């Protein structure tokens, strides 16, 4: 069974930086792509940044996605935080799990972490 665990988040002053971590685990699970989304209060979830499973680092504006091979984690770093960055942050992993020779598509979300940037 594939599981996703997220960590990080919290309250950060405007102008600061923050790192969120996402670890996908499961036997014979190969990640094709990891994406980060956020959901501001009262709004729909929106895409923030992402990276293919073979990637190491991807930068989208103030958002940097990077892979920590030692921890089998994909991190999201947010620089120059603004109040509008406030919201729940979620990672999504898509890939394949080898189940006794059958490749099963997997699309799984983390539990999310709250990021709050006071105005």
C-alpha atoms as a PDB file:
ATOM      1  CA  UNK A   1       0.000   0.000   0.000  1.00  0.00           C
ATOM      2  CA  UNK A   2       1.292   3.432  -0.954  1.00  0.00           C
ATOM      3  CA  UNK A   3       1.295   6.123   1.695  1.00  0.00           C
ATOM      4  CA  UNK A   4       2.214   9.794   1.647  1.00  0.00           C
ATOM      5  CA  UNK A   5       3.388  11.761   4.660  1.00  0.00           C
ATOM      6  CA  UNK A   6       3.838  15.505   4.711  1.00  0.00           C
ATOM      7  CA  UNK A   7       5.682  17.658   7.200  1.00  0.00           C
ATOM      8  CA  UNK A   8       6.579  21.284   7.657  1.00  0.00           C
ATOM      9  CA  UNK A   9       4.268  24.260   7.582  1.00  0.00           C
ATOM     10  CA  UNK A  10       3.390  26.653  10.361  1.00  0.00           C
ATOM     11  CA  UNK A  11       3.325  30.376  10.920  1.00  0.00           C
ATOM     12  CA  UNK A  12       5.983  32.421   9.145  1.00  0.00           C
ATOM     13  CA  UNK A  13       6.373  36.183   8.929  1.00  0.00           C
ATOM     14  CA  UNK A  14       6.094  37.869   5.557  1.00  0.00           C
ATOM     15  CA  UNK A  15       9.397  37.906   3.723  1.00  0.00           C
ATOM     16  CA  UNK A  16      10.568  34.695   5.327  1.00  0.00           C
ATOM     17  CA  UNK A  17      10.981  31.258   3.804  1.00  0.00           C
ATOM     18  CA  UNK A  18       9.538  27.852   4.518  1.00  0.00           C
ATOM     19  CA  UNK A  19      10.162  24.230   3.575  1.00  0.00           C
ATOM     20  CA  UNK A  20       7.531  21.542   3.241  1.00  0.00           C
ATOM     21  CA  UNK A  21       8.393  17.882   2.827  1.00  0.00           C
ATOM     22  CA  UNK A  22       6.534  15.020   1.151  1.00  0.00           C
ATOM     23  CA  UNK A  23       7.527  11.375   1.467  1.00  0.00           C
ATOM     24  CA  UNK A  24       5.802   8.707  -0.594  1.00  0.00           C
ATOM     25  CA  UNK A  25       6.386   5.154   0.559  1.00  0.00           C
ATOM     26  CA  UNK A  26       5.222   1.744  -0.533  1.00  0.00           C
ATOM     27  CA  UNK A  27       6.671  -1.409  -1.909  1.00  0.00           C
ATOM     28  CA  UNK A  28       7.483  -1.319  -5.610  1.00  0.00           C
ATOM     29  CA  UNK A  29       6.096   2.201  -6.067  1.00  0.00           C
ATOM     30  CA  UNK A  30       7.685   4.279  -8.781  1.00  0.00           C
ATOM     31  CA  UNK A  31       6.814   7.980  -8.843  1.00  0.00           C
ATOM     32  CA  UNK A  32       6.289   9.506 -12.269  1.00  0.00           C
ATOM     33  CA  UNK A  33       5.476  13.004 -11.066  1.00  0.00           C
ATOM     34  CA  UNK A  34       5.129  14.980  -7.839  1.00  0.00           C
ATOM     35  CA  UNK A  35       3.108  18.169  -7.690  1.00  0.00           C
ATOM     36  CA  UNK A  36       2.420  20.648  -4.953  1.00  0.00           C
ATOM     37  CA  UNK A  37      -0.932  22.390  -4.613  1.00  0.00           C
ATOM     38  CA  UNK A  38      -2.295  24.918  -2.209  1.00  0.00           C
ATOM     39  CA  UNK A  39      -5.776  25.874  -1.117  1.00  0.00           C
ATOM     40  CA  UNK A  40      -6.226  29.416   0.189  1.00  0.00           C
ATOM     41  CA  UNK A  41      -9.058  29.963   2.680  1.00  0.00           C
ATOM     42  CA  UNK A  42     -12.413  29.885   0.927  1.00  0.00           C
ATOM     43  CA  UNK A  43     -10.869  29.152  -2.469  1.00  0.00           C
ATOM     44  CA  UNK A  44     -10.255  26.169  -4.691  1.00  0.00           C
ATOM     45  CA  UNK A  45      -7.111  24.136  -4.649  1.00  0.00           C
ATOM     46  CA  UNK A  46      -4.525  25.425  -7.150  1.00  0.00           C
ATOM     47  CA  UNK A  47      -1.314  24.081  -8.594  1.00  0.00           C
ATOM     48  CA  UNK A  48       1.891  25.611  -7.271  1.00  0.00           C
ATOM     49  CA  UNK A  49       4.866  23.690  -8.658  1.00  0.00           C
ATOM     50  CA  UNK A  50       5.888  20.206  -9.684  1.00  0.00           C
ATOM     51  CA  UNK A  51       8.625  17.928 -10.892  1.00  0.00           C
ATOM     52  CA  UNK A  52       8.918  14.619 -12.729  1.00  0.00           C
ATOM     53  CA  UNK A  53      10.068  11.576 -10.813  1.00  0.00           C
ATOM     54  CA  UNK A  54      13.424  11.716 -12.551  1.00  0.00           C
ATOM     55  CA  UNK A  55      13.979  15.365 -11.670  1.00  0.00           C
ATOM     56  CA  UNK A  56      16.228  16.850  -9.026  1.00  0.00           C
ATOM     57  CA  UNK A  57      15.195  20.490  -8.823  1.00  0.00           C
ATOM     58  CA  UNK A  58      12.484  22.611 -10.403  1.00  0.00           C
ATOM     59  CA  UNK A  59      11.954  26.331  -9.875  1.00  0.00           C
ATOM     60  CA  UNK A  60       8.685  28.177 -10.494  1.00  0.00           C
ATOM     61  CA  UNK A  61       9.031  31.773  -9.375  1.00  0.00           C
ATOM     62  CA  UNK A  62       9.322  31.800  -5.572  1.00  0.00           C
ATOM     63  CA  UNK A  63       8.662  28.066  -5.368  1.00  0.00           C
ATOM     64  CA  UNK A  64      11.434  25.475  -5.581  1.00  0.00           C
ATOM     65  CA  UNK A  65      10.747  21.760  -5.710  1.00  0.00           C
ATOM     66  CA  UNK A  66      13.725  19.573  -4.895  1.00  0.00           C
ATOM     67  CA  UNK A  67      14.395  15.910  -4.262  1.00  0.00           C
ATOM     68  CA  UNK A  68      16.179  14.609  -1.174  1.00  0.00           C
ATOM     69  CA  UNK A  69      17.274  11.146  -2.209  1.00  0.00           C
ATOM     70  CA  UNK A  70      18.635  10.250   1.212  1.00  0.00           C
ATOM     71  CA  UNK A  71      15.198  10.783   2.766  1.00  0.00           C
ATOM     72  CA  UNK A  72      13.199   9.746  -0.295  1.00  0.00           C
ATOM     73  CA  UNK A  73      11.443  13.078   0.004  1.00  0.00           C
ATOM     74  CA  UNK A  74      10.304  15.807  -2.362  1.00  0.00           C
ATOM     75  CA  UNK A  75      10.520  19.236  -0.765  1.00  0.00           C
ATOM     76  CA  UNK A  76       8.798  22.516  -1.557  1.00  0.00           C
ATOM     77  CA  UNK A  77      10.610  25.665  -0.544  1.00  0.00           C
ATOM     78  CA  UNK A  78       8.769  28.971  -0.623  1.00  0.00           C
ATOM     79  CA  UNK A  79      10.805  32.160  -0.554  1.00  0.00           C
ATOM     80  CA  UNK A  80       9.742  35.734   0.155  1.00  0.00           C
ATOM     81  CA  UNK A  81       6.501  34.582   1.739  1.00  0.00           C
ATOM     82  CA  UNK A  82       3.457  36.808   1.347  1.00  0.00           C
ATOM     83  CA  UNK A  83       0.126  36.825   3.207  1.00  0.00           C
ATOM     84  CA  UNK A  84      -1.536  35.504   0.053  1.00  0.00           C
ATOM     85  CA  UNK A  85       0.577  32.363   0.398  1.00  0.00           C
ATOM     86  CA  UNK A  86      -1.567  31.415   3.377  1.00  0.00           C
ATOM     87  CA  UNK A  87      -3.435  28.149   2.945  1.00  0.00           C
ATOM     88  CA  UNK A  88      -3.281  24.382   3.082  1.00  0.00           C
ATOM     89  CA  UNK A  89      -0.439  22.856   1.060  1.00  0.00           C
ATOM     90  CA  UNK A  90      -0.771  19.389  -0.405  1.00  0.00           C
ATOM     91  CA  UNK A  91       1.547  17.138  -2.349  1.00  0.00           C
ATOM     92  CA  UNK A  92       0.303  14.755  -4.995  1.00  0.00           C
ATOM     93  CA  UNK A  93       2.212  11.758  -6.290  1.00  0.00           C
ATOM     94  CA  UNK A  94       1.370   9.909  -9.475  1.00  0.00           C
ATOM     95  CA  UNK A  95       3.090   6.744 -10.502  1.00  0.00           C
ATOM     96  CA  UNK A  96       2.914   2.986 -10.825  1.00  0.00           C
ATOM     97  CA  UNK A  97       2.993   0.241  -8.249  1.00  0.00           C
ATOM     98  CA  UNK A  98       4.151  -3.199  -9.243  1.00  0.00           C
ATOM     99  CA  UNK A  99       1.714  -5.653  -7.744  1.00  0.00           C
ATOM    100  CA  UNK A 100       2.892  -9.178  -8.531  1.00  0.00           C
ATOM    101  CA  UNK A 101       3.885  -8.170 -12.034  1.00  0.00           C
ATOM    102  CA  UNK A 102       0.843  -5.965 -12.696  1.00  0.00           C
ATOM    103  CA  UNK A 103       1.498  -2.234 -12.950  1.00  0.00           C
ATOM    104  CA  UNK A 104      -1.200  -0.400 -11.022  1.00  0.00           C
ATOM    105  CA  UNK A 105      -1.622   3.367 -11.542  1.00  0.00           C
ATOM    106  CA  UNK A 106      -1.451   5.323  -8.305  1.00  0.00           C
ATOM    107  CA  UNK A 107      -2.582   8.882  -7.701  1.00  0.00           C
ATOM    108  CA  UNK A 108      -2.292   9.783  -4.045  1.00  0.00           C
ATOM    109  CA  UNK A 109      -2.454  12.956  -1.956  1.00  0.00           C
ATOM    110  CA  UNK A 110      -0.748  13.869   1.272  1.00  0.00           C
ATOM    111  CA  UNK A 111      -2.750  14.950   4.302  1.00  0.00           C
ATOM    112  CA  UNK A 112      -1.781  18.599   3.819  1.00  0.00           C
ATOM    113  CA  UNK A 113      -0.079  21.141   6.024  1.00  0.00           C
ATOM    114  CA  UNK A 114      -1.192  24.636   6.944  1.00  0.00           C
ATOM    115  CA  UNK A 115       0.973  27.626   6.106  1.00  0.00           C
ATOM    116  CA  UNK A 116       0.028  30.960   7.656  1.00  0.00           C
ATOM    117  CA  UNK A 117       1.656  34.254   6.745  1.00  0.00           C
ATOM    118  CA  UNK A 118       0.191  37.093   8.826  1.00  0.00           C
ATOM    119  CA  UNK A 119      -0.458  40.394   7.096  1.00  0.00           C
END
